[in-house]
């Protein structure tokens, strides 16, 4: 049994067809600022780096750093 934690940076964008899409990046640097992240998102939009079924990414929707802890309460017996 063990407890593990995981942190991800989730960047959400609005697409040309009105849907939302997210990019999830593992292990973000601890000292990232909102301004730095927004600047990268602006570059992704301006340079049209990604596109998908919803079309081009056209605007920023949300930024989240998600920190999860998982507490494994059961270890199956070795076979």
PDB file of N, CA and C in Angstrom:
ATOM      1  N   UNK A   1       0.838  -1.173   0.000  1.00  0.00           N
ATOM      2  CA  UNK A   1       0.000   0.000   0.000  1.00  0.00           C
ATOM      3  C   UNK A   1       0.882   1.235   0.000  1.00  0.00           C
ATOM      4  N   UNK A   2       0.485   2.177  -0.837  1.00  0.00           N
ATOM      5  CA  UNK A   2       1.293   3.383  -0.961  1.00  0.00           C
ATOM      6  C   UNK A   2       0.422   4.561  -1.367  1.00  0.00           C
ATOM      7  N   UNK A   3       0.924   5.730  -1.039  1.00  0.00           N
ATOM      8  CA  UNK A   3       0.264   6.958  -1.479  1.00  0.00           C
ATOM      9  C   UNK A   3       1.153   7.600  -2.532  1.00  0.00           C
ATOM     10  N   UNK A   4       0.566   7.930  -3.656  1.00  0.00           N
ATOM     11  CA  UNK A   4       1.303   8.597  -4.717  1.00  0.00           C
ATOM     12  C   UNK A   4       0.606   9.913  -5.044  1.00  0.00           C
ATOM     13  N   UNK A   5       1.368  10.870  -5.512  1.00  0.00           N
ATOM     14  CA  UNK A   5       0.762  12.132  -5.932  1.00  0.00           C
ATOM     15  C   UNK A   5       1.215  12.446  -7.349  1.00  0.00           C
ATOM     16  N   UNK A   6       0.380  13.208  -8.015  1.00  0.00           N
ATOM     17  CA  UNK A   6       0.642  13.567  -9.406  1.00  0.00           C
ATOM     18  C   UNK A   6       0.139  14.977  -9.629  1.00  0.00           C
ATOM     19  N   UNK A   7       0.917  15.771 -10.343  1.00  0.00           N
ATOM     20  CA  UNK A   7       0.522  17.134 -10.654  1.00  0.00           C
ATOM     21  C   UNK A   7       0.567  17.307 -12.169  1.00  0.00           C
ATOM     22  N   UNK A   8      -0.480  17.921 -12.722  1.00  0.00           N
ATOM     23  CA  UNK A   8      -0.526  18.197 -14.155  1.00  0.00           C
ATOM     24  C   UNK A   8      -0.987  19.632 -14.383  1.00  0.00           C
ATOM     25  N   UNK A   9      -0.585  20.171 -15.511  1.00  0.00           N
ATOM     26  CA  UNK A   9      -1.041  21.478 -15.968  1.00  0.00           C
ATOM     27  C   UNK A   9      -2.038  21.236 -17.088  1.00  0.00           C
ATOM     28  N   UNK A  10      -3.257  21.747 -16.938  1.00  0.00           N
ATOM     29  CA  UNK A  10      -4.285  21.553 -17.962  1.00  0.00           C
ATOM     30  C   UNK A  10      -4.604  22.902 -18.605  1.00  0.00           C
ATOM     31  N   UNK A  11      -4.343  22.983 -19.909  1.00  0.00           N
ATOM     32  CA  UNK A  11      -4.632  24.172 -20.695  1.00  0.00           C
ATOM     33  C   UNK A  11      -5.880  23.902 -21.525  1.00  0.00           C
ATOM     34  N   UNK A  12      -6.899  24.727 -21.368  1.00  0.00           N
ATOM     35  CA  UNK A  12      -8.142  24.528 -22.106  1.00  0.00           C
ATOM     36  C   UNK A  12      -8.342  25.669 -23.094  1.00  0.00           C
ATOM     37  N   UNK A  13      -8.779  25.307 -24.290  1.00  0.00           N
ATOM     38  CA  UNK A  13      -8.981  26.257 -25.384  1.00  0.00           C
ATOM     39  C   UNK A  13     -10.396  26.123 -25.947  1.00  0.00           C
ATOM     40  N   UNK A  14     -10.900  27.192 -26.525  1.00  0.00           N
ATOM     41  CA  UNK A  14     -12.119  27.159 -27.331  1.00  0.00           C
ATOM     42  C   UNK A  14     -11.693  26.945 -28.772  1.00  0.00           C
ATOM     43  N   UNK A  15     -12.482  26.176 -29.511  1.00  0.00           N
ATOM     44  CA  UNK A  15     -12.158  25.903 -30.908  1.00  0.00           C
ATOM     45  C   UNK A  15     -13.058  26.708 -31.837  1.00  0.00           C
ATOM     46  N   UNK A  16     -12.699  26.713 -33.105  1.00  0.00           N
ATOM     47  CA  UNK A  16     -13.445  27.466 -34.116  1.00  0.00           C
ATOM     48  C   UNK A  16     -14.888  26.990 -34.240  1.00  0.00           C
ATOM     49  N   UNK A  17     -15.140  25.733 -33.929  1.00  0.00           N
ATOM     50  CA  UNK A  17     -16.500  25.210 -34.038  1.00  0.00           C
ATOM     51  C   UNK A  17     -17.263  25.283 -32.723  1.00  0.00           C
ATOM     52  N   UNK A  18     -16.690  25.976 -31.729  1.00  0.00           N
ATOM     53  CA  UNK A  18     -17.392  26.211 -30.484  1.00  0.00           C
ATOM     54  C   UNK A  18     -17.238  25.162 -29.409  1.00  0.00           C
ATOM     55  N   UNK A  19     -16.394  24.192 -29.635  1.00  0.00           N
ATOM     56  CA  UNK A  19     -16.178  23.174 -28.604  1.00  0.00           C
ATOM     57  C   UNK A  19     -14.961  23.547 -27.760  1.00  0.00           C
ATOM     58  N   UNK A  20     -14.741  22.779 -26.719  1.00  0.00           N
ATOM     59  CA  UNK A  20     -13.587  22.984 -25.852  1.00  0.00           C
ATOM     60  C   UNK A  20     -12.640  21.808 -26.007  1.00  0.00           C
ATOM     61  N   UNK A  21     -11.359  22.100 -25.903  1.00  0.00           N
ATOM     62  CA  UNK A  21     -10.341  21.051 -25.971  1.00  0.00           C
ATOM     63  C   UNK A  21      -9.266  21.390 -24.942  1.00  0.00           C
ATOM     64  N   UNK A  22      -8.655  20.345 -24.364  1.00  0.00           N
ATOM     65  CA  UNK A  22      -7.644  20.557 -23.333  1.00  0.00           C
ATOM     66  C   UNK A  22      -6.349  19.842 -23.684  1.00  0.00           C
ATOM     67  N   UNK A  23      -5.251  20.469 -23.298  1.00  0.00           N
ATOM     68  CA  UNK A  23      -3.928  19.856 -23.349  1.00  0.00           C
ATOM     69  C   UNK A  23      -3.504  19.634 -21.911  1.00  0.00           C
ATOM     70  N   UNK A  24      -3.032  18.441 -21.591  1.00  0.00           N
ATOM     71  CA  UNK A  24      -2.606  18.134 -20.237  1.00  0.00           C
ATOM     72  C   UNK A  24      -1.124  17.808 -20.256  1.00  0.00           C
ATOM     73  N   UNK A  25      -0.375  18.552 -19.462  1.00  0.00           N
ATOM     74  CA  UNK A  25       1.075  18.400 -19.416  1.00  0.00           C
ATOM     75  C   UNK A  25       1.491  17.935 -18.024  1.00  0.00           C
ATOM     76  N   UNK A  26       2.280  16.861 -17.927  1.00  0.00           N
ATOM     77  CA  UNK A  26       2.663  16.338 -16.619  1.00  0.00           C
ATOM     78  C   UNK A  26       3.774  17.164 -15.967  1.00  0.00           C
ATOM     79  N   UNK A  27       3.791  17.144 -14.658  1.00  0.00           N
ATOM     80  CA  UNK A  27       4.878  17.695 -13.843  1.00  0.00           C
ATOM     81  C   UNK A  27       5.258  19.141 -14.196  1.00  0.00           C
ATOM     82  N   UNK A  28       4.334  20.085 -14.067  1.00  0.00           N
ATOM     83  CA  UNK A  28       4.679  21.476 -14.359  1.00  0.00           C
ATOM     84  C   UNK A  28       5.699  22.011 -13.345  1.00  0.00           C
ATOM     85  N   UNK A  29       6.512  22.946 -13.790  1.00  0.00           N
ATOM     86  CA  UNK A  29       7.483  23.573 -12.899  1.00  0.00           C
ATOM     87  C   UNK A  29       6.747  24.283 -11.771  1.00  0.00           C
ATOM     88  N   UNK A  30       7.306  24.229 -10.589  1.00  0.00           N
ATOM     89  CA  UNK A  30       6.653  24.804  -9.410  1.00  0.00           C
ATOM     90  C   UNK A  30       6.549  26.324  -9.482  1.00  0.00           C
ATOM     91  N   UNK A  31       7.444  26.970 -10.207  1.00  0.00           N
ATOM     92  CA  UNK A  31       7.455  28.437 -10.224  1.00  0.00           C
ATOM     93  C   UNK A  31       6.790  29.054 -11.455  1.00  0.00           C
ATOM     94  N   UNK A  32       5.984  28.289 -12.185  1.00  0.00           N
ATOM     95  CA  UNK A  32       5.265  28.835 -13.339  1.00  0.00           C
ATOM     96  C   UNK A  32       4.280  29.898 -12.887  1.00  0.00           C
ATOM     97  N   UNK A  33       4.173  30.965 -13.662  1.00  0.00           N
ATOM     98  CA  UNK A  33       3.195  32.001 -13.359  1.00  0.00           C
ATOM     99  C   UNK A  33       2.068  31.948 -14.379  1.00  0.00           C
ATOM    100  N   UNK A  34       0.937  32.521 -14.021  1.00  0.00           N
ATOM    101  CA  UNK A  34      -0.198  32.583 -14.937  1.00  0.00           C
ATOM    102  C   UNK A  34       0.191  33.339 -16.207  1.00  0.00           C
ATOM    103  N   UNK A  35       0.968  34.398 -16.061  1.00  0.00           N
ATOM    104  CA  UNK A  35       1.381  35.188 -17.223  1.00  0.00           C
ATOM    105  C   UNK A  35       2.220  34.351 -18.189  1.00  0.00           C
ATOM    106  N   UNK A  36       3.116  33.531 -17.678  1.00  0.00           N
ATOM    107  CA  UNK A  36       3.945  32.673 -18.536  1.00  0.00           C
ATOM    108  C   UNK A  36       3.078  31.666 -19.284  1.00  0.00           C
ATOM    109  N   UNK A  37       2.143  31.081 -18.575  1.00  0.00           N
ATOM    110  CA  UNK A  37       1.282  30.077 -19.199  1.00  0.00           C
ATOM    111  C   UNK A  37       0.398  30.723 -20.261  1.00  0.00           C
ATOM    112  N   UNK A  38      -0.164  31.882 -19.943  1.00  0.00           N
ATOM    113  CA  UNK A  38      -1.009  32.577 -20.917  1.00  0.00           C
ATOM    114  C   UNK A  38      -0.218  32.964 -22.166  1.00  0.00           C
ATOM    115  N   UNK A  39       1.033  33.355 -22.007  1.00  0.00           N
ATOM    116  CA  UNK A  39       1.873  33.702 -23.155  1.00  0.00           C
ATOM    117  C   UNK A  39       2.068  32.499 -24.069  1.00  0.00           C
ATOM    118  N   UNK A  40       2.281  31.322 -23.482  1.00  0.00           N
ATOM    119  CA  UNK A  40       2.428  30.108 -24.279  1.00  0.00           C
ATOM    120  C   UNK A  40       1.123  29.782 -24.989  1.00  0.00           C
ATOM    121  N   UNK A  41       0.007  29.921 -24.287  1.00  0.00           N
ATOM    122  CA  UNK A  41      -1.288  29.654 -24.913  1.00  0.00           C
ATOM    123  C   UNK A  41      -1.538  30.614 -26.077  1.00  0.00           C
ATOM    124  N   UNK A  42      -1.161  31.877 -25.895  1.00  0.00           N
ATOM    125  CA  UNK A  42      -1.304  32.857 -26.985  1.00  0.00           C
ATOM    126  C   UNK A  42      -0.478  32.453 -28.199  1.00  0.00           C
ATOM    127  N   UNK A  43       0.725  31.925 -27.972  1.00  0.00           N
ATOM    128  CA  UNK A  43       1.565  31.473 -29.084  1.00  0.00           C
ATOM    129  C   UNK A  43       0.953  30.262 -29.779  1.00  0.00           C
ATOM    130  N   UNK A  44       0.402  29.339 -29.008  1.00  0.00           N
ATOM    131  CA  UNK A  44      -0.253  28.157 -29.593  1.00  0.00           C
ATOM    132  C   UNK A  44      -1.379  28.597 -30.515  1.00  0.00           C
ATOM    133  N   UNK A  45      -2.163  29.576 -30.061  1.00  0.00           N
ATOM    134  CA  UNK A  45      -3.278  30.078 -30.867  1.00  0.00           C
ATOM    135  C   UNK A  45      -2.764  30.831 -32.093  1.00  0.00           C
ATOM    136  N   UNK A  46      -1.831  31.761 -31.895  1.00  0.00           N
ATOM    137  CA  UNK A  46      -1.334  32.609 -32.983  1.00  0.00           C
ATOM    138  C   UNK A  46      -0.638  31.806 -34.075  1.00  0.00           C
ATOM    139  N   UNK A  47       0.122  30.783 -33.682  1.00  0.00           N
ATOM    140  CA  UNK A  47       0.873  29.992 -34.656  1.00  0.00           C
ATOM    141  C   UNK A  47       0.073  28.799 -35.176  1.00  0.00           C
ATOM    142  N   UNK A  48      -1.166  28.649 -34.677  1.00  0.00           N
ATOM    143  CA  UNK A  48      -2.050  27.575 -35.128  1.00  0.00           C
ATOM    144  C   UNK A  48      -1.338  26.217 -35.043  1.00  0.00           C
ATOM    145  N   UNK A  49      -0.739  25.975 -33.884  1.00  0.00           N
ATOM    146  CA  UNK A  49       0.074  24.773 -33.687  1.00  0.00           C
ATOM    147  C   UNK A  49      -0.774  23.507 -33.696  1.00  0.00           C
ATOM    148  N   UNK A  50      -1.962  23.551 -33.089  1.00  0.00           N
ATOM    149  CA  UNK A  50      -2.815  22.373 -33.003  1.00  0.00           C
ATOM    150  C   UNK A  50      -4.153  22.637 -33.684  1.00  0.00           C
ATOM    151  N   UNK A  51      -4.723  21.581 -34.214  1.00  0.00           N
ATOM    152  CA  UNK A  51      -6.083  21.623 -34.732  1.00  0.00           C
ATOM    153  C   UNK A  51      -6.695  20.254 -34.475  1.00  0.00           C
ATOM    154  N   UNK A  52      -7.986  20.187 -34.437  1.00  0.00           N
ATOM    155  CA  UNK A  52      -8.633  18.906 -34.181  1.00  0.00           C
ATOM    156  C   UNK A  52      -9.996  18.871 -34.830  1.00  0.00           C
ATOM    157  N   UNK A  53     -10.826  17.952 -34.393  1.00  0.00           N
ATOM    158  CA  UNK A  53     -12.150  17.822 -34.982  1.00  0.00           C
ATOM    159  C   UNK A  53     -13.000  19.059 -34.734  1.00  0.00           C
ATOM    160  N   UNK A  54     -12.679  19.832 -33.707  1.00  0.00           N
ATOM    161  CA  UNK A  54     -13.403  21.067 -33.421  1.00  0.00           C
ATOM    162  C   UNK A  54     -12.849  22.259 -34.166  1.00  0.00           C
ATOM    163  N   UNK A  55     -11.825  22.037 -34.982  1.00  0.00           N
ATOM    164  CA  UNK A  55     -11.212  23.129 -35.735  1.00  0.00           C
ATOM    165  C   UNK A  55     -10.025  23.713 -34.994  1.00  0.00           C
ATOM    166  N   UNK A  56      -9.589  24.873 -35.462  1.00  0.00           N
ATOM    167  CA  UNK A  56      -8.435  25.546 -34.869  1.00  0.00           C
ATOM    168  C   UNK A  56      -8.739  26.020 -33.454  1.00  0.00           C
ATOM    169  N   UNK A  57      -7.686  26.149 -32.659  1.00  0.00           N
ATOM    170  CA  UNK A  57      -7.828  26.722 -31.325  1.00  0.00           C
ATOM    171  C   UNK A  57      -7.917  28.236 -31.506  1.00  0.00           C
ATOM    172  N   UNK A  58      -8.963  28.861 -30.985  1.00  0.00           N
ATOM    173  CA  UNK A  58      -9.183  30.290 -31.258  1.00  0.00           C
ATOM    174  C   UNK A  58      -9.090  31.185 -30.028  1.00  0.00           C
ATOM    175  N   UNK A  59      -9.259  30.638 -28.827  1.00  0.00           N
ATOM    176  CA  UNK A  59      -9.143  31.470 -27.625  1.00  0.00           C
ATOM    177  C   UNK A  59      -8.866  30.599 -26.402  1.00  0.00           C
ATOM    178  N   UNK A  60      -8.364  31.261 -25.365  1.00  0.00           N
ATOM    179  CA  UNK A  60      -8.096  30.574 -24.100  1.00  0.00           C
ATOM    180  C   UNK A  60      -9.413  30.387 -23.359  1.00  0.00           C
ATOM    181  N   UNK A  61      -9.551  29.246 -22.715  1.00  0.00           N
ATOM    182  CA  UNK A  61     -10.765  28.966 -21.946  1.00  0.00           C
ATOM    183  C   UNK A  61     -10.472  28.862 -20.448  1.00  0.00           C
ATOM    184  N   UNK A  62      -9.386  28.151 -20.089  1.00  0.00           N
ATOM    185  CA  UNK A  62      -9.101  27.928 -18.677  1.00  0.00           C
ATOM    186  C   UNK A  62      -7.675  27.415 -18.518  1.00  0.00           C
ATOM    187  N   UNK A  63      -7.123  27.638 -17.330  1.00  0.00           N
ATOM    188  CA  UNK A  63      -5.812  27.107 -16.954  1.00  0.00           C
ATOM    189  C   UNK A  63      -5.954  26.533 -15.553  1.00  0.00           C
ATOM    190  N   UNK A  64      -5.510  25.303 -15.373  1.00  0.00           N
ATOM    191  CA  UNK A  64      -5.559  24.690 -14.048  1.00  0.00           C
ATOM    192  C   UNK A  64      -4.301  23.875 -13.797  1.00  0.00           C
ATOM    193  N   UNK A  65      -3.824  23.955 -12.574  1.00  0.00           N
ATOM    194  CA  UNK A  65      -2.824  23.004 -12.108  1.00  0.00           C
ATOM    195  C   UNK A  65      -3.587  22.062 -11.191  1.00  0.00           C
ATOM    196  N   UNK A  66      -3.575  20.782 -11.541  1.00  0.00           N
ATOM    197  CA  UNK A  66      -4.343  19.780 -10.820  1.00  0.00           C
ATOM    198  C   UNK A  66      -3.373  18.883 -10.065  1.00  0.00           C
ATOM    199  N   UNK A  67      -3.571  18.811  -8.769  1.00  0.00           N
ATOM    200  CA  UNK A  67      -2.716  18.006  -7.893  1.00  0.00           C
ATOM    201  C   UNK A  67      -3.581  16.905  -7.291  1.00  0.00           C
ATOM    202  N   UNK A  68      -3.259  15.665  -7.595  1.00  0.00           N
ATOM    203  CA  UNK A  68      -4.039  14.541  -7.079  1.00  0.00           C
ATOM    204  C   UNK A  68      -3.165  13.637  -6.212  1.00  0.00           C
ATOM    205  N   UNK A  69      -3.777  13.093  -5.204  1.00  0.00           N
ATOM    206  CA  UNK A  69      -3.115  12.098  -4.353  1.00  0.00           C
ATOM    207  C   UNK A  69      -3.941  10.824  -4.410  1.00  0.00           C
ATOM    208  N   UNK A  70      -3.257   9.717  -4.608  1.00  0.00           N
ATOM    209  CA  UNK A  70      -3.916   8.420  -4.665  1.00  0.00           C
ATOM    210  C   UNK A  70      -3.395   7.576  -3.517  1.00  0.00           C
ATOM    211  N   UNK A  71      -4.303   7.096  -2.698  1.00  0.00           N
ATOM    212  CA  UNK A  71      -3.954   6.252  -1.579  1.00  0.00           C
ATOM    213  C   UNK A  71      -4.402   4.835  -1.913  1.00  0.00           C
ATOM    214  N   UNK A  72      -3.461   3.988  -2.248  1.00  0.00           N
ATOM    215  CA  UNK A  72      -3.749   2.598  -2.600  1.00  0.00           C
ATOM    216  C   UNK A  72      -3.955   1.821  -1.314  1.00  0.00           C
ATOM    217  N   UNK A  73      -5.188   1.369  -1.097  1.00  0.00           N
ATOM    218  CA  UNK A  73      -5.537   0.711   0.161  1.00  0.00           C
ATOM    219  C   UNK A  73      -5.452  -0.815   0.118  1.00  0.00           C
ATOM    220  N   UNK A  74      -5.165  -1.359  -1.046  1.00  0.00           N
ATOM    221  CA  UNK A  74      -5.147  -2.819  -1.136  1.00  0.00           C
ATOM    222  C   UNK A  74      -4.023  -3.272  -2.046  1.00  0.00           C
ATOM    223  N   UNK A  75      -3.224  -4.185  -1.563  1.00  0.00           N
ATOM    224  CA  UNK A  75      -2.202  -4.832  -2.370  1.00  0.00           C
ATOM    225  C   UNK A  75      -2.642  -6.271  -2.569  1.00  0.00           C
ATOM    226  N   UNK A  76      -2.921  -6.676  -3.806  1.00  0.00           N
ATOM    227  CA  UNK A  76      -3.336  -8.056  -4.019  1.00  0.00           C
ATOM    228  C   UNK A  76      -2.205  -9.016  -3.655  1.00  0.00           C
ATOM    229  N   UNK A  77      -2.552 -10.205  -3.194  1.00  0.00           N
ATOM    230  CA  UNK A  77      -1.524 -11.185  -2.853  1.00  0.00           C
ATOM    231  C   UNK A  77      -0.749 -11.624  -4.089  1.00  0.00           C
ATOM    232  N   UNK A  78       0.502 -11.876  -3.903  1.00  0.00           N
ATOM    233  CA  UNK A  78       1.348 -12.359  -4.998  1.00  0.00           C
ATOM    234  C   UNK A  78       0.910 -13.761  -5.383  1.00  0.00           C
ATOM    235  N   UNK A  79       0.899 -14.022  -6.665  1.00  0.00           N
ATOM    236  CA  UNK A  79       0.462 -15.339  -7.152  1.00  0.00           C
ATOM    237  C   UNK A  79       1.638 -16.237  -7.363  1.00  0.00           C
TER     238      UNK A  79
END
